Amino acid sequence: MRDGQGGWPLDDRGAAYGDGLFETVLLRDGRPLLWDEHLARLVRGCHALGIPMPAERELAAPLAEAGPGLVVLKLVLTRGSGGRGYRPPASPEPRLRWQLATFAPAESRWREGVRVRHCRLRLGIQPALAGLKHLNRLENVLARSEWEDEAVAEGLLCDSDGRLVEATAMNLFWQRDGRLETPRLDRCGVAGTLREALRERLSLAEVDAGPEALIAAEAVWLGNSVQGIWPVVRLDDADGVERQRWSLAPLHRGFQAEAHRLLGYPLPDPT
């Protein structure tokens, strides 16, 4: 693991308040995948928070150090230091840090699917931050602390009104009545870059739906731009009681293949 540009001063607003943004980018032999989508989301986040956007050459500087194979680049951008209390500085001087780590995807989860559960925690509704990958992720930390069972790969999150939003670290997709759907993220949640790329390429409808949509679904998936797509084969409630199972039908594999083409991952066996 390699870090860029040293550590954080104690008065950094990202460390103190979560006042910043981050991107987690999959690199293949030094080439960033879904780079345009990552930059576009960072631009949206900078605009929403009022943080100056770094030059693309600054963001791309770590790529030369990535080396061969699969590497994950984490870029962290904060408002920097200054201001008084929560009041931000009038002329912020952003601070950019990065980290490189070698990566091996969980290939068995591509092939065999995963078991997931509902979380008790409910995400707060805040449209001003909806879709952004900001540094305030305590809700996700608390949700992930709800289970220790290694057989459970992820936890599904609803908002405070009971609408499906996402998993703790992945976006959520399903097929219902032959239609591909994903939760609408205009109230909370992270608009993942793989999700955005798939929306541009597929007929993927954004919907407001509760957990009952999953019970009615023919197939369910989780995905992000690092792990790829995991088919869901079992869904538990927040107490660990099984609520639904799905088989690994060809329709699971077709959606997975669309995503994996974007990431350079192996295409699944269609059988």
C-alpha atoms as a PDB file:
ATOM      1  CA  MET A   1       0.000   0.000   0.000  1.00  0.00           C
ATOM      2  CA  ARG A   2       1.367   3.423  -0.934  1.00  0.00           C
ATOM      3  CA  ASP A   3       0.216   6.837   0.265  1.00  0.00           C
ATOM      4  CA  GLY A   4       0.686  10.175  -1.468  1.00  0.00           C
ATOM      5  CA  GLN A   5       1.568  13.567  -0.005  1.00  0.00           C
ATOM      6  CA  GLY A   6       1.846  12.616   3.663  1.00  0.00           C
ATOM      7  CA  GLY A   7      -0.692  12.673   6.466  1.00  0.00           C
ATOM      8  CA  TRP A   8      -3.436  14.982   7.698  1.00  0.00           C
ATOM      9  CA  PRO A   9      -3.000  18.024   9.952  1.00  0.00           C
ATOM     10  CA  LEU A  10      -5.307  17.997  12.968  1.00  0.00           C
ATOM     11  CA  ASP A  11      -7.169  21.072  11.714  1.00  0.00           C
ATOM     12  CA  ASP A  12      -8.082  19.546   8.367  1.00  0.00           C
ATOM     13  CA  ARG A  13     -11.828  19.997   7.861  1.00  0.00           C
ATOM     14  CA  GLY A  14     -12.178  16.581   6.266  1.00  0.00           C
ATOM     15  CA  ALA A  15     -10.815  14.902   9.389  1.00  0.00           C
ATOM     16  CA  ALA A  16     -12.720  17.204  11.753  1.00  0.00           C
ATOM     17  CA  TYR A  17     -16.114  17.386  10.034  1.00  0.00           C
ATOM     18  CA  GLY A  18     -16.121  15.016   7.083  1.00  0.00           C
ATOM     19  CA  ASP A  19     -15.964  18.148   4.929  1.00  0.00           C
ATOM     20  CA  GLY A  20     -14.845  16.605   1.676  1.00  0.00           C
ATOM     21  CA  LEU A  21     -15.251  13.921  -0.965  1.00  0.00           C
ATOM     22  CA  PHE A  22     -13.571  10.718  -2.071  1.00  0.00           C
ATOM     23  CA  GLU A  23     -13.365   8.453  -5.089  1.00  0.00           C
ATOM     24  CA  THR A  24     -12.340   4.794  -5.181  1.00  0.00           C
ATOM     25  CA  VAL A  25     -11.045   3.930  -8.651  1.00  0.00           C
ATOM     26  CA  LEU A  26     -10.118   0.532 -10.074  1.00  0.00           C
ATOM     27  CA  LEU A  27      -6.874   0.623 -12.074  1.00  0.00           C
ATOM     28  CA  ARG A  28      -5.842  -2.066 -14.515  1.00  0.00           C
ATOM     29  CA  ASP A  29      -2.138  -1.857 -15.410  1.00  0.00           C
ATOM     30  CA  GLY A  30      -2.215   1.823 -14.460  1.00  0.00           C
ATOM     31  CA  ARG A  31      -5.313   2.633 -16.508  1.00  0.00           C
ATOM     32  CA  PRO A  32      -8.282   3.988 -14.539  1.00  0.00           C
ATOM     33  CA  LEU A  33     -11.604   2.350 -15.348  1.00  0.00           C
ATOM     34  CA  LEU A  34     -14.767   4.482 -15.525  1.00  0.00           C
ATOM     35  CA  TRP A  35     -12.488   7.510 -15.113  1.00  0.00           C
ATOM     36  CA  ASP A  36     -14.920   9.901 -16.820  1.00  0.00           C
ATOM     37  CA  GLU A  37     -17.698   8.826 -14.448  1.00  0.00           C
ATOM     38  CA  HIS A  38     -15.459   9.284 -11.413  1.00  0.00           C
ATOM     39  CA  LEU A  39     -14.427  12.770 -12.529  1.00  0.00           C
ATOM     40  CA  ALA A  40     -18.030  13.728 -13.280  1.00  0.00           C
ATOM     41  CA  ARG A  41     -19.162  12.674  -9.800  1.00  0.00           C
ATOM     42  CA  LEU A  42     -16.279  14.558  -8.211  1.00  0.00           C
ATOM     43  CA  VAL A  43     -17.229  17.673 -10.168  1.00  0.00           C
ATOM     44  CA  ARG A  44     -20.829  17.366  -8.926  1.00  0.00           C
ATOM     45  CA  GLY A  45     -19.625  16.950  -5.374  1.00  0.00           C
ATOM     46  CA  CYS A  46     -17.279  19.917  -5.542  1.00  0.00           C
ATOM     47  CA  HIS A  47     -20.070  22.073  -6.932  1.00  0.00           C
ATOM     48  CA  ALA A  48     -22.508  20.978  -4.228  1.00  0.00           C
ATOM     49  CA  LEU A  49     -20.046  21.545  -1.366  1.00  0.00           C
ATOM     50  CA  GLY A  50     -18.358  24.643  -2.776  1.00  0.00           C
ATOM     51  CA  ILE A  51     -14.898  23.068  -2.911  1.00  0.00           C
ATOM     52  CA  PRO A  52     -12.623  24.056  -5.834  1.00  0.00           C
ATOM     53  CA  MET A  53     -12.127  21.146  -8.220  1.00  0.00           C
ATOM     54  CA  PRO A  54      -8.470  20.060  -8.601  1.00  0.00           C
ATOM     55  CA  ALA A  55      -6.918  19.972 -12.050  1.00  0.00           C
ATOM     56  CA  GLU A  56      -7.264  16.596 -13.752  1.00  0.00           C
ATOM     57  CA  ARG A  57      -3.469  16.288 -13.927  1.00  0.00           C
ATOM     58  CA  GLU A  58      -3.324  16.433 -10.113  1.00  0.00           C
ATOM     59  CA  LEU A  59      -5.952  13.721  -9.815  1.00  0.00           C
ATOM     60  CA  ALA A  60      -4.186  11.550 -12.394  1.00  0.00           C
ATOM     61  CA  ALA A  61      -0.699  11.955 -10.888  1.00  0.00           C
ATOM     62  CA  PRO A  62      -0.862   8.701  -8.840  1.00  0.00           C
ATOM     63  CA  LEU A  63      -1.554   6.607 -11.945  1.00  0.00           C
ATOM     64  CA  ALA A  64       2.127   6.556 -12.888  1.00  0.00           C
ATOM     65  CA  GLU A  65       2.913   4.850  -9.575  1.00  0.00           C
ATOM     66  CA  ALA A  66       0.238   2.177  -9.769  1.00  0.00           C
ATOM     67  CA  GLY A  67       2.258  -0.577 -11.413  1.00  0.00           C
ATOM     68  CA  PRO A  68       0.894  -3.661 -13.207  1.00  0.00           C
ATOM     69  CA  GLY A  69      -2.203  -5.659 -12.402  1.00  0.00           C
ATOM     70  CA  LEU A  70      -5.266  -4.587 -10.463  1.00  0.00           C
ATOM     71  CA  VAL A  71      -4.825  -1.699  -8.045  1.00  0.00           C
ATOM     72  CA  VAL A  72      -7.376   0.444  -6.199  1.00  0.00           C
ATOM     73  CA  LEU A  73      -6.714   4.171  -6.069  1.00  0.00           C
ATOM     74  CA  LYS A  74      -8.434   6.109  -3.293  1.00  0.00           C
ATOM     75  CA  LEU A  75      -8.543   9.867  -3.846  1.00  0.00           C
ATOM     76  CA  VAL A  76      -9.567  12.027  -0.890  1.00  0.00           C
ATOM     77  CA  LEU A  77     -10.312  15.716  -1.379  1.00  0.00           C
ATOM     78  CA  THR A  78     -11.067  17.955   1.607  1.00  0.00           C
ATOM     79  CA  ARG A  79     -11.834  21.651   1.932  1.00  0.00           C
ATOM     80  CA  GLY A  80      -8.460  21.946   3.664  1.00  0.00           C
ATOM     81  CA  SER A  81      -7.916  23.881   6.874  1.00  0.00           C
ATOM     82  CA  GLY A  82      -9.326  27.166   8.095  1.00  0.00           C
ATOM     83  CA  GLY A  83     -12.631  28.733   8.910  1.00  0.00           C
ATOM     84  CA  ARG A  84     -14.078  29.046  12.397  1.00  0.00           C
ATOM     85  CA  GLY A  85     -15.965  26.082  13.755  1.00  0.00           C
ATOM     86  CA  TYR A  86     -18.406  24.810  11.176  1.00  0.00           C
ATOM     87  CA  ARG A  87     -18.149  28.033   9.200  1.00  0.00           C
ATOM     88  CA  PRO A  88     -16.011  27.257   6.131  1.00  0.00           C
ATOM     89  CA  PRO A  89     -13.191  29.550   4.977  1.00  0.00           C
ATOM     90  CA  ALA A  90     -14.162  32.196   2.432  1.00  0.00           C
ATOM     91  CA  SER A  91     -11.329  31.111   0.127  1.00  0.00           C
ATOM     92  CA  PRO A  92     -10.713  27.404   0.726  1.00  0.00           C
ATOM     93  CA  GLU A  93      -7.409  25.780  -0.142  1.00  0.00           C
ATOM     94  CA  PRO A  94      -8.380  22.151  -0.820  1.00  0.00           C
ATOM     95  CA  ARG A  95      -6.154  19.313   0.266  1.00  0.00           C
ATOM     96  CA  LEU A  96      -5.816  16.239  -1.991  1.00  0.00           C
ATOM     97  CA  ARG A  97      -4.442  12.940  -0.707  1.00  0.00           C
ATOM     98  CA  TRP A  98      -4.336   9.513  -2.289  1.00  0.00           C
ATOM     99  CA  GLN A  99      -3.587   5.886  -1.564  1.00  0.00           C
ATOM    100  CA  LEU A 100      -2.798   2.901  -3.795  1.00  0.00           C
ATOM    101  CA  ALA A 101      -3.493  -0.701  -2.757  1.00  0.00           C
ATOM    102  CA  THR A 102      -3.229  -3.954  -4.698  1.00  0.00           C
ATOM    103  CA  PHE A 103      -6.565  -5.655  -5.219  1.00  0.00           C
ATOM    104  CA  ALA A 104      -8.001  -9.101  -5.898  1.00  0.00           C
ATOM    105  CA  PRO A 105     -11.764  -9.307  -6.535  1.00  0.00           C
ATOM    106  CA  ALA A 106     -13.940 -11.863  -4.782  1.00  0.00           C
ATOM    107  CA  GLU A 107     -14.419 -14.044  -7.863  1.00  0.00           C
ATOM    108  CA  SER A 108     -16.362 -16.724  -6.003  1.00  0.00           C
ATOM    109  CA  ARG A 109     -19.068 -14.140  -5.351  1.00  0.00           C
ATOM    110  CA  TRP A 110     -19.369 -13.491  -9.085  1.00  0.00           C
ATOM    111  CA  ARG A 111     -19.857 -17.202  -9.747  1.00  0.00           C
ATOM    112  CA  GLU A 112     -21.825 -18.406  -6.730  1.00  0.00           C
ATOM    113  CA  GLY A 113     -23.739 -15.298  -5.716  1.00  0.00           C
ATOM    114  CA  VAL A 114     -24.046 -13.865  -2.223  1.00  0.00           C
ATOM    115  CA  ARG A 115     -26.237 -13.878   0.849  1.00  0.00           C
ATOM    116  CA  VAL A 116     -27.385 -10.454   2.062  1.00  0.00           C
ATOM    117  CA  ARG A 117     -29.549  -9.113   4.887  1.00  0.00           C
ATOM    118  CA  HIS A 118     -31.628  -6.083   5.684  1.00  0.00           C
ATOM    119  CA  CYS A 119     -30.161  -3.581   8.148  1.00  0.00           C
ATOM    120  CA  ARG A 120     -32.056  -2.019  11.030  1.00  0.00           C
ATOM    121  CA  LEU A 121     -30.396   1.356  10.515  1.00  0.00           C
ATOM    122  CA  ARG A 122     -32.305   3.817   8.329  1.00  0.00           C
ATOM    123  CA  LEU A 123     -30.525   6.398   6.208  1.00  0.00           C
ATOM    124  CA  GLY A 124     -31.364  10.024   6.885  1.00  0.00           C
ATOM    125  CA  ILE A 125     -32.997  11.951   4.042  1.00  0.00           C
ATOM    126  CA  GLN A 126     -30.880  14.887   2.858  1.00  0.00           C
ATOM    127  CA  PRO A 127     -31.366  15.846  -0.815  1.00  0.00           C
ATOM    128  CA  ALA A 128     -28.494  18.374  -0.693  1.00  0.00           C
ATOM    129  CA  LEU A 129     -26.039  15.486  -0.283  1.00  0.00           C
ATOM    130  CA  ALA A 130     -27.901  12.800  -2.228  1.00  0.00           C
ATOM    131  CA  GLY A 131     -25.753  10.922  -4.732  1.00  0.00           C
ATOM    132  CA  LEU A 132     -22.459  12.379  -3.481  1.00  0.00           C
ATOM    133  CA  LYS A 133     -19.563  10.286  -2.212  1.00  0.00           C
ATOM    134  CA  HIS A 134     -18.834  12.607   0.684  1.00  0.00           C
ATOM    135  CA  LEU A 135     -16.693  11.797   3.708  1.00  0.00           C
ATOM    136  CA  ASN A 136     -19.592  11.572   6.189  1.00  0.00           C
ATOM    137  CA  ARG A 137     -20.101   7.794   6.187  1.00  0.00           C
ATOM    138  CA  LEU A 138     -20.996   7.057   9.817  1.00  0.00           C
ATOM    139  CA  GLU A 139     -24.394   5.686   8.799  1.00  0.00           C
ATOM    140  CA  ASN A 140     -22.633   3.069   6.674  1.00  0.00           C
ATOM    141  CA  VAL A 141     -20.213   2.258   9.503  1.00  0.00           C
ATOM    142  CA  LEU A 142     -23.068   1.711  11.948  1.00  0.00           C
ATOM    143  CA  ALA A 143     -25.000  -0.397   9.444  1.00  0.00           C
ATOM    144  CA  ARG A 144     -21.973  -2.583   8.713  1.00  0.00           C
ATOM    145  CA  SER A 145     -21.479  -3.169  12.441  1.00  0.00           C
ATOM    146  CA  GLU A 146     -24.881  -4.901  12.660  1.00  0.00           C
ATOM    147  CA  TRP A 147     -23.534  -8.337  11.673  1.00  0.00           C
ATOM    148  CA  GLU A 148     -20.392 -10.441  12.096  1.00  0.00           C
ATOM    149  CA  ASP A 149     -21.420 -13.535  10.126  1.00  0.00           C
ATOM    150  CA  GLU A 150     -18.863 -13.967   7.322  1.00  0.00           C
ATOM    151  CA  ALA A 151     -21.506 -15.797   5.270  1.00  0.00           C
ATOM    152  CA  VAL A 152     -23.404 -12.506   4.900  1.00  0.00           C
ATOM    153  CA  ALA A 153     -21.731 -10.426   2.202  1.00  0.00           C
ATOM    154  CA  GLU A 154     -23.688  -7.170   2.478  1.00  0.00           C
ATOM    155  CA  GLY A 155     -26.499  -5.326   4.217  1.00  0.00           C
ATOM    156  CA  LEU A 156     -29.360  -3.509   2.483  1.00  0.00           C
ATOM    157  CA  LEU A 157     -30.369  -0.024   3.594  1.00  0.00           C
ATOM    158  CA  CYS A 158     -33.678   1.812   3.453  1.00  0.00           C
ATOM    159  CA  ASP A 159     -34.229   5.505   4.163  1.00  0.00           C
ATOM    160  CA  SER A 160     -36.256   6.795   7.102  1.00  0.00           C
ATOM    161  CA  ASP A 161     -39.423   6.541   4.985  1.00  0.00           C
ATOM    162  CA  GLY A 162     -38.810   2.848   4.272  1.00  0.00           C
ATOM    163  CA  ARG A 163     -37.626   3.202   0.661  1.00  0.00           C
ATOM    164  CA  LEU A 164     -34.830   0.974  -0.616  1.00  0.00           C
ATOM    165  CA  VAL A 165     -31.603   2.929  -1.218  1.00  0.00           C
ATOM    166  CA  GLU A 166     -28.450   0.801  -1.474  1.00  0.00           C
ATOM    167  CA  ALA A 167     -26.210  -1.670   0.329  1.00  0.00           C
ATOM    168  CA  THR A 168     -23.585  -0.491   2.812  1.00  0.00           C
ATOM    169  CA  ALA A 169     -20.890  -0.253   0.098  1.00  0.00           C
ATOM    170  CA  MET A 170     -22.634  -1.160  -3.156  1.00  0.00           C
ATOM    171  CA  ASN A 171     -25.555  -0.119  -5.296  1.00  0.00           C
ATOM    172  CA  LEU A 172     -28.671  -2.261  -5.586  1.00  0.00           C
ATOM    173  CA  PHE A 173     -30.352  -3.547  -8.754  1.00  0.00           C
ATOM    174  CA  TRP A 174     -33.160  -5.970  -9.497  1.00  0.00           C
ATOM    175  CA  GLN A 175     -35.359  -7.257 -12.314  1.00  0.00           C
ATOM    176  CA  ARG A 176     -39.123  -7.182 -11.712  1.00  0.00           C
ATOM    177  CA  ASP A 177     -41.727  -8.123 -14.305  1.00  0.00           C
ATOM    178  CA  GLY A 178     -38.934  -8.227 -16.874  1.00  0.00           C
ATOM    179  CA  ARG A 179     -37.786  -4.642 -16.133  1.00  0.00           C
ATOM    180  CA  LEU A 180     -34.374  -3.669 -14.730  1.00  0.00           C
ATOM    181  CA  GLU A 181     -34.746  -1.307 -11.750  1.00  0.00           C
ATOM    182  CA  THR A 182     -32.563   0.494  -9.221  1.00  0.00           C
ATOM    183  CA  PRO A 183     -33.520   2.786  -6.324  1.00  0.00           C
ATOM    184  CA  ARG A 184     -33.919   6.484  -7.023  1.00  0.00           C
ATOM    185  CA  LEU A 185     -31.131   8.389  -5.237  1.00  0.00           C
ATOM    186  CA  ASP A 186     -32.482  11.938  -5.054  1.00  0.00           C
ATOM    187  CA  ARG A 187     -32.981  11.852  -1.259  1.00  0.00           C
ATOM    188  CA  CYS A 188     -29.902  10.011   0.004  1.00  0.00           C
ATOM    189  CA  GLY A 189     -27.399   7.342  -1.020  1.00  0.00           C
ATOM    190  CA  VAL A 190     -24.339   7.223  -3.259  1.00  0.00           C
ATOM    191  CA  ALA A 191     -24.721   7.293  -7.043  1.00  0.00           C
ATOM    192  CA  GLY A 192     -22.046   4.760  -7.955  1.00  0.00           C
ATOM    193  CA  THR A 193     -19.995   5.167 -11.111  1.00  0.00           C
ATOM    194  CA  LEU A 194     -20.776   1.645 -12.334  1.00  0.00           C
ATOM    195  CA  ARG A 195     -24.462   2.388 -11.751  1.00  0.00           C
ATOM    196  CA  GLU A 196     -24.155   5.563 -13.831  1.00  0.00           C
ATOM    197  CA  ALA A 197     -22.354   3.754 -16.648  1.00  0.00           C
ATOM    198  CA  LEU A 198     -25.021   1.025 -16.720  1.00  0.00           C
ATOM    199  CA  ARG A 199     -27.805   3.620 -16.788  1.00  0.00           C
ATOM    200  CA  GLU A 200     -26.216   5.073 -19.930  1.00  0.00           C
ATOM    201  CA  ARG A 201     -26.071   1.679 -21.641  1.00  0.00           C
ATOM    202  CA  LEU A 202     -29.163  -0.193 -20.449  1.00  0.00           C
ATOM    203  CA  SER A 203     -32.829   0.446 -19.910  1.00  0.00           C
ATOM    204  CA  LEU A 204     -32.420   0.776 -16.147  1.00  0.00           C
ATOM    205  CA  ALA A 205     -35.351   2.473 -14.438  1.00  0.00           C
ATOM    206  CA  GLU A 206     -34.917   4.499 -11.238  1.00  0.00           C
ATOM    207  CA  VAL A 207     -37.819   3.776  -8.905  1.00  0.00           C
ATOM    208  CA  ASP A 208     -39.151   4.512  -5.426  1.00  0.00           C
ATOM    209  CA  ALA A 209     -39.767   1.097  -3.867  1.00  0.00           C
ATOM    210  CA  GLY A 210     -39.811  -0.628  -0.514  1.00  0.00           C
ATOM    211  CA  PRO A 211     -38.385  -4.052   0.374  1.00  0.00           C
ATOM    212  CA  GLU A 212     -41.445  -5.755  -1.099  1.00  0.00           C
ATOM    213  CA  ALA A 213     -39.989  -5.038  -4.559  1.00  0.00           C
ATOM    214  CA  LEU A 214     -37.213  -7.546  -3.865  1.00  0.00           C
ATOM    215  CA  ILE A 215     -39.664 -10.271  -2.882  1.00  0.00           C
ATOM    216  CA  ALA A 216     -41.389  -9.759  -6.254  1.00  0.00           C
ATOM    217  CA  ALA A 217     -38.114  -9.673  -8.219  1.00  0.00           C
ATOM    218  CA  GLU A 218     -36.924 -12.356 -10.601  1.00  0.00           C
ATOM    219  CA  ALA A 219     -33.286 -11.474  -9.865  1.00  0.00           C
ATOM    220  CA  VAL A 220     -31.339  -9.143  -7.552  1.00  0.00           C
ATOM    221  CA  TRP A 221     -27.761  -7.847  -7.796  1.00  0.00           C
ATOM    222  CA  LEU A 222     -25.298  -5.688  -5.900  1.00  0.00           C
ATOM    223  CA  GLY A 223     -22.509  -3.855  -7.668  1.00  0.00           C
ATOM    224  CA  ASN A 224     -19.823  -1.204  -7.604  1.00  0.00           C
ATOM    225  CA  SER A 225     -16.929  -0.079  -9.761  1.00  0.00           C
ATOM    226  CA  VAL A 226     -14.336  -2.105  -7.839  1.00  0.00           C
ATOM    227  CA  GLN A 227     -16.057  -5.408  -7.019  1.00  0.00           C
ATOM    228  CA  GLY A 228     -18.169  -5.727 -10.167  1.00  0.00           C
ATOM    229  CA  ILE A 229     -21.586  -7.403  -9.897  1.00  0.00           C
ATOM    230  CA  TRP A 230     -22.603  -9.937  -7.266  1.00  0.00           C
ATOM    231  CA  PRO A 231     -25.826 -11.884  -7.898  1.00  0.00           C
ATOM    232  CA  VAL A 232     -27.922 -12.188  -4.744  1.00  0.00           C
ATOM    233  CA  VAL A 233     -29.035 -15.755  -4.024  1.00  0.00           C
ATOM    234  CA  ARG A 234     -30.402 -15.322  -0.489  1.00  0.00           C
ATOM    235  CA  LEU A 235     -32.021 -12.425   1.377  1.00  0.00           C
ATOM    236  CA  ASP A 236     -32.414 -12.403   5.181  1.00  0.00           C
ATOM    237  CA  ASP A 237     -34.242  -9.986   7.424  1.00  0.00           C
ATOM    238  CA  ALA A 238     -32.446  -7.960  10.112  1.00  0.00           C
ATOM    239  CA  ASP A 239     -32.719 -10.902  12.515  1.00  0.00           C
ATOM    240  CA  GLY A 240     -30.983 -13.276  10.102  1.00  0.00           C
ATOM    241  CA  VAL A 241     -34.158 -15.133   9.148  1.00  0.00           C
ATOM    242  CA  GLU A 242     -34.279 -16.161   5.491  1.00  0.00           C
ATOM    243  CA  ARG A 243     -36.925 -14.303   3.455  1.00  0.00           C
ATOM    244  CA  GLN A 244     -36.147 -15.119  -0.181  1.00  0.00           C
ATOM    245  CA  ARG A 245     -33.901 -17.199  -2.435  1.00  0.00           C
ATOM    246  CA  TRP A 246     -32.992 -16.875  -6.097  1.00  0.00           C
ATOM    247  CA  SER A 247     -31.276 -19.342  -8.401  1.00  0.00           C
ATOM    248  CA  LEU A 248     -28.384 -18.371 -10.675  1.00  0.00           C
ATOM    249  CA  ALA A 249     -30.461 -18.180 -13.839  1.00  0.00           C
ATOM    250  CA  PRO A 250     -29.098 -16.890 -17.173  1.00  0.00           C
ATOM    251  CA  LEU A 251     -30.801 -13.530 -16.617  1.00  0.00           C
ATOM    252  CA  HIS A 252     -28.457 -12.987 -13.644  1.00  0.00           C
ATOM    253  CA  ARG A 253     -25.486 -13.555 -15.901  1.00  0.00           C
ATOM    254  CA  GLY A 254     -26.629 -11.221 -18.673  1.00  0.00           C
ATOM    255  CA  PHE A 255     -26.746  -8.180 -16.409  1.00  0.00           C
ATOM    256  CA  GLN A 256     -23.455  -9.161 -14.805  1.00  0.00           C
ATOM    257  CA  ALA A 257     -21.803  -9.457 -18.222  1.00  0.00           C
ATOM    258  CA  GLU A 258     -22.780  -5.873 -19.160  1.00  0.00           C
ATOM    259  CA  ALA A 259     -21.063  -4.558 -16.048  1.00  0.00           C
ATOM    260  CA  HIS A 260     -17.980  -6.742 -16.319  1.00  0.00           C
ATOM    261  CA  ARG A 261     -17.295  -5.616 -19.863  1.00  0.00           C
ATOM    262  CA  LEU A 262     -16.875  -2.108 -18.464  1.00  0.00           C
ATOM    263  CA  LEU A 263     -14.407  -3.283 -15.814  1.00  0.00           C
ATOM    264  CA  GLY A 264     -12.471  -5.831 -17.854  1.00  0.00           C
ATOM    265  CA  TYR A 265     -13.581  -8.664 -15.572  1.00  0.00           C
ATOM    266  CA  PRO A 266     -14.276 -12.181 -16.917  1.00  0.00           C
ATOM    267  CA  LEU A 267     -17.675 -12.636 -18.452  1.00  0.00           C
ATOM    268  CA  PRO A 268     -19.781 -15.166 -16.545  1.00  0.00           C
ATOM    269  CA  ASP A 269     -20.692 -18.609 -17.777  1.00  0.00           C
ATOM    270  CA  PRO A 270     -24.174 -18.155 -19.280  1.00  0.00           C
ATOM    271  CA  THR A 271     -25.347 -21.641 -18.268  1.00  0.00           C
END
